[in-house]
Amino acid sequence: MVLRVFIAGLMYGLTTGIVTIISFFMVVFRQDKRSLHDSMAATYVKLVDPTKVDSSKLI
């Protein structure tokens, strides 16, 4: 029982760690700064000057 919990926790930690490292490197080295979840969801990062945003058009 303890071994099963240990192995499951180890596998969860490894897969989560690998995905986190891949996402980090994608953000650092890609020109468009898209992470793994951005690529999967087909979203993008847009930098906007907050002083030039019309707050009435938000939401």
N, C-alpha and C. Protein backbone atom coordinates (compact mmCIF):
# COMPACT_ATOMS: atom_id res chain seq x y z
N MET A 1 0.83 -1.19 0.00
CA MET A 1 0.00 0.00 0.00
C MET A 1 0.88 1.26 0.00
N VAL A 2 1.88 1.28 0.85
CA VAL A 2 2.76 2.45 0.93
C VAL A 2 3.55 2.60 -0.37
N LEU A 3 3.98 1.49 -0.93
CA LEU A 3 4.73 1.53 -2.18
C LEU A 3 3.87 2.08 -3.32
N ARG A 4 2.60 1.68 -3.36
CA ARG A 4 1.70 2.17 -4.40
C ARG A 4 1.49 3.68 -4.29
N VAL A 5 1.32 4.17 -3.07
CA VAL A 5 1.16 5.61 -2.86
C VAL A 5 2.45 6.35 -3.22
N PHE A 6 3.57 5.77 -2.86
CA PHE A 6 4.86 6.40 -3.18
C PHE A 6 5.09 6.47 -4.69
N ILE A 7 4.84 5.39 -5.38
CA ILE A 7 5.03 5.34 -6.84
C ILE A 7 4.07 6.32 -7.53
N ALA A 8 2.82 6.35 -7.09
CA ALA A 8 1.84 7.27 -7.68
C ALA A 8 2.26 8.72 -7.46
N GLY A 9 2.71 9.04 -6.27
CA GLY A 9 3.18 10.40 -5.98
C GLY A 9 4.41 10.77 -6.77
N LEU A 10 5.31 9.82 -6.93
CA LEU A 10 6.52 10.04 -7.72
C LEU A 10 6.18 10.30 -9.19
N MET A 11 5.29 9.50 -9.75
CA MET A 11 4.90 9.68 -11.15
C MET A 11 4.17 11.00 -11.34
N TYR A 12 3.31 11.36 -10.41
CA TYR A 12 2.60 12.65 -10.49
C TYR A 12 3.60 13.80 -10.44
N GLY A 13 4.55 13.72 -9.54
CA GLY A 13 5.56 14.77 -9.41
C GLY A 13 6.44 14.89 -10.64
N LEU A 14 6.82 13.77 -11.21
CA LEU A 14 7.65 13.79 -12.42
C LEU A 14 6.91 14.39 -13.61
N THR A 15 5.68 13.96 -13.84
CA THR A 15 4.94 14.49 -14.99
C THR A 15 4.61 15.96 -14.81
N THR A 16 4.23 16.36 -13.62
CA THR A 16 3.94 17.77 -13.37
C THR A 16 5.20 18.60 -13.51
N GLY A 17 6.31 18.09 -13.02
CA GLY A 17 7.58 18.80 -13.13
C GLY A 17 8.03 18.96 -14.56
N ILE A 18 7.88 17.91 -15.36
CA ILE A 18 8.28 17.98 -16.77
C ILE A 18 7.43 18.99 -17.52
N VAL A 19 6.13 18.98 -17.30
CA VAL A 19 5.23 19.93 -17.96
C VAL A 19 5.56 21.36 -17.53
N THR A 20 5.86 21.57 -16.26
CA THR A 20 6.22 22.90 -15.77
C THR A 20 7.51 23.39 -16.40
N ILE A 21 8.49 22.52 -16.51
CA ILE A 21 9.77 22.91 -17.12
C ILE A 21 9.59 23.22 -18.60
N ILE A 22 8.81 22.42 -19.31
CA ILE A 22 8.56 22.68 -20.73
C ILE A 22 7.85 24.03 -20.90
N SER A 23 6.85 24.29 -20.08
CA SER A 23 6.13 25.57 -20.16
C SER A 23 7.05 26.74 -19.87
N PHE A 24 7.92 26.59 -18.88
CA PHE A 24 8.86 27.66 -18.54
C PHE A 24 9.77 27.98 -19.72
N PHE A 25 10.34 26.94 -20.32
CA PHE A 25 11.24 27.17 -21.45
C PHE A 25 10.50 27.73 -22.67
N MET A 26 9.25 27.35 -22.85
CA MET A 26 8.48 27.92 -23.95
C MET A 26 8.28 29.42 -23.76
N VAL A 27 7.99 29.84 -22.54
CA VAL A 27 7.79 31.27 -22.27
C VAL A 27 9.10 32.03 -22.42
N VAL A 28 10.18 31.46 -21.95
CA VAL A 28 11.46 32.15 -22.00
C VAL A 28 11.99 32.28 -23.42
N PHE A 29 11.90 31.23 -24.22
CA PHE A 29 12.57 31.22 -25.51
C PHE A 29 11.69 31.52 -26.72
N ARG A 30 10.39 31.44 -26.58
CA ARG A 30 9.53 31.76 -27.73
C ARG A 30 9.39 33.27 -27.85
N GLN A 31 9.31 33.74 -29.06
CA GLN A 31 9.19 35.17 -29.29
C GLN A 31 7.80 35.69 -28.90
N ASP A 32 6.78 34.87 -29.09
CA ASP A 32 5.42 35.30 -28.76
C ASP A 32 5.03 35.00 -27.30
N LYS A 33 5.94 34.43 -26.51
CA LYS A 33 5.78 34.17 -25.07
C LYS A 33 4.58 33.27 -24.75
N ARG A 34 4.23 32.38 -25.66
CA ARG A 34 3.11 31.46 -25.42
C ARG A 34 3.60 30.24 -24.67
N SER A 35 2.88 29.87 -23.65
CA SER A 35 3.21 28.70 -22.85
C SER A 35 2.48 27.48 -23.42
N LEU A 36 2.65 26.35 -22.77
CA LEU A 36 2.03 25.12 -23.23
C LEU A 36 0.51 25.22 -23.19
N HIS A 37 -0.03 25.76 -22.11
CA HIS A 37 -1.49 25.86 -22.02
C HIS A 37 -2.03 26.90 -23.00
N ASP A 38 -1.25 27.94 -23.32
CA ASP A 38 -1.68 28.91 -24.34
C ASP A 38 -1.73 28.25 -25.72
N SER A 39 -0.76 27.43 -26.02
CA SER A 39 -0.73 26.73 -27.30
C SER A 39 -1.89 25.74 -27.42
N MET A 40 -2.18 25.04 -26.35
CA MET A 40 -3.25 24.05 -26.37
C MET A 40 -4.62 24.72 -26.48
N ALA A 41 -4.79 25.88 -25.86
CA ALA A 41 -6.08 26.57 -25.87
C ALA A 41 -6.21 27.56 -27.02
N ALA A 42 -5.15 27.70 -27.81
CA ALA A 42 -5.13 28.63 -28.95
C ALA A 42 -5.36 30.07 -28.49
N THR A 43 -4.77 30.43 -27.36
CA THR A 43 -4.82 31.80 -26.87
C THR A 43 -3.45 32.44 -27.06
N TYR A 44 -3.36 33.73 -26.81
CA TYR A 44 -2.09 34.42 -26.96
C TYR A 44 -1.96 35.49 -25.89
N VAL A 45 -0.74 35.95 -25.70
CA VAL A 45 -0.44 36.99 -24.73
C VAL A 45 -0.39 38.32 -25.47
N LYS A 46 -1.07 39.30 -24.94
CA LYS A 46 -1.09 40.62 -25.57
C LYS A 46 -0.68 41.64 -24.52
N LEU A 47 0.39 42.37 -24.81
CA LEU A 47 0.85 43.40 -23.89
C LEU A 47 0.16 44.72 -24.22
N VAL A 48 -0.45 45.32 -23.21
CA VAL A 48 -1.20 46.55 -23.40
C VAL A 48 -0.78 47.53 -22.32
N ASP A 49 -0.64 48.79 -22.71
CA ASP A 49 -0.34 49.84 -21.74
C ASP A 49 -1.60 50.09 -20.89
N PRO A 50 -1.55 49.84 -19.57
CA PRO A 50 -2.76 49.96 -18.76
C PRO A 50 -3.32 51.38 -18.68
N THR A 51 -2.50 52.37 -18.96
CA THR A 51 -3.01 53.74 -18.90
C THR A 51 -3.85 54.09 -20.12
N LYS A 52 -3.76 53.27 -21.18
CA LYS A 52 -4.50 53.56 -22.41
C LYS A 52 -5.68 52.64 -22.63
N VAL A 53 -6.09 51.91 -21.60
CA VAL A 53 -7.21 50.98 -21.72
C VAL A 53 -8.49 51.67 -21.27
N ASP A 54 -9.51 51.58 -22.09
CA ASP A 54 -10.82 52.12 -21.71
C ASP A 54 -11.51 51.10 -20.80
N SER A 55 -11.63 51.41 -19.53
CA SER A 55 -12.14 50.44 -18.56
C SER A 55 -13.62 50.15 -18.77
N SER A 56 -14.35 50.98 -19.50
CA SER A 56 -15.76 50.70 -19.74
C SER A 56 -15.94 49.55 -20.72
N LYS A 57 -14.91 49.22 -21.50
CA LYS A 57 -15.01 48.13 -22.47
C LYS A 57 -14.52 46.81 -21.92
N LEU A 58 -14.09 46.78 -20.68
CA LEU A 58 -13.67 45.54 -20.05
C LEU A 58 -14.90 44.76 -19.61
N ILE A 59 -14.86 43.50 -19.70
CA ILE A 59 -15.94 42.57 -19.32
C ILE A 59 -17.11 42.68 -20.21
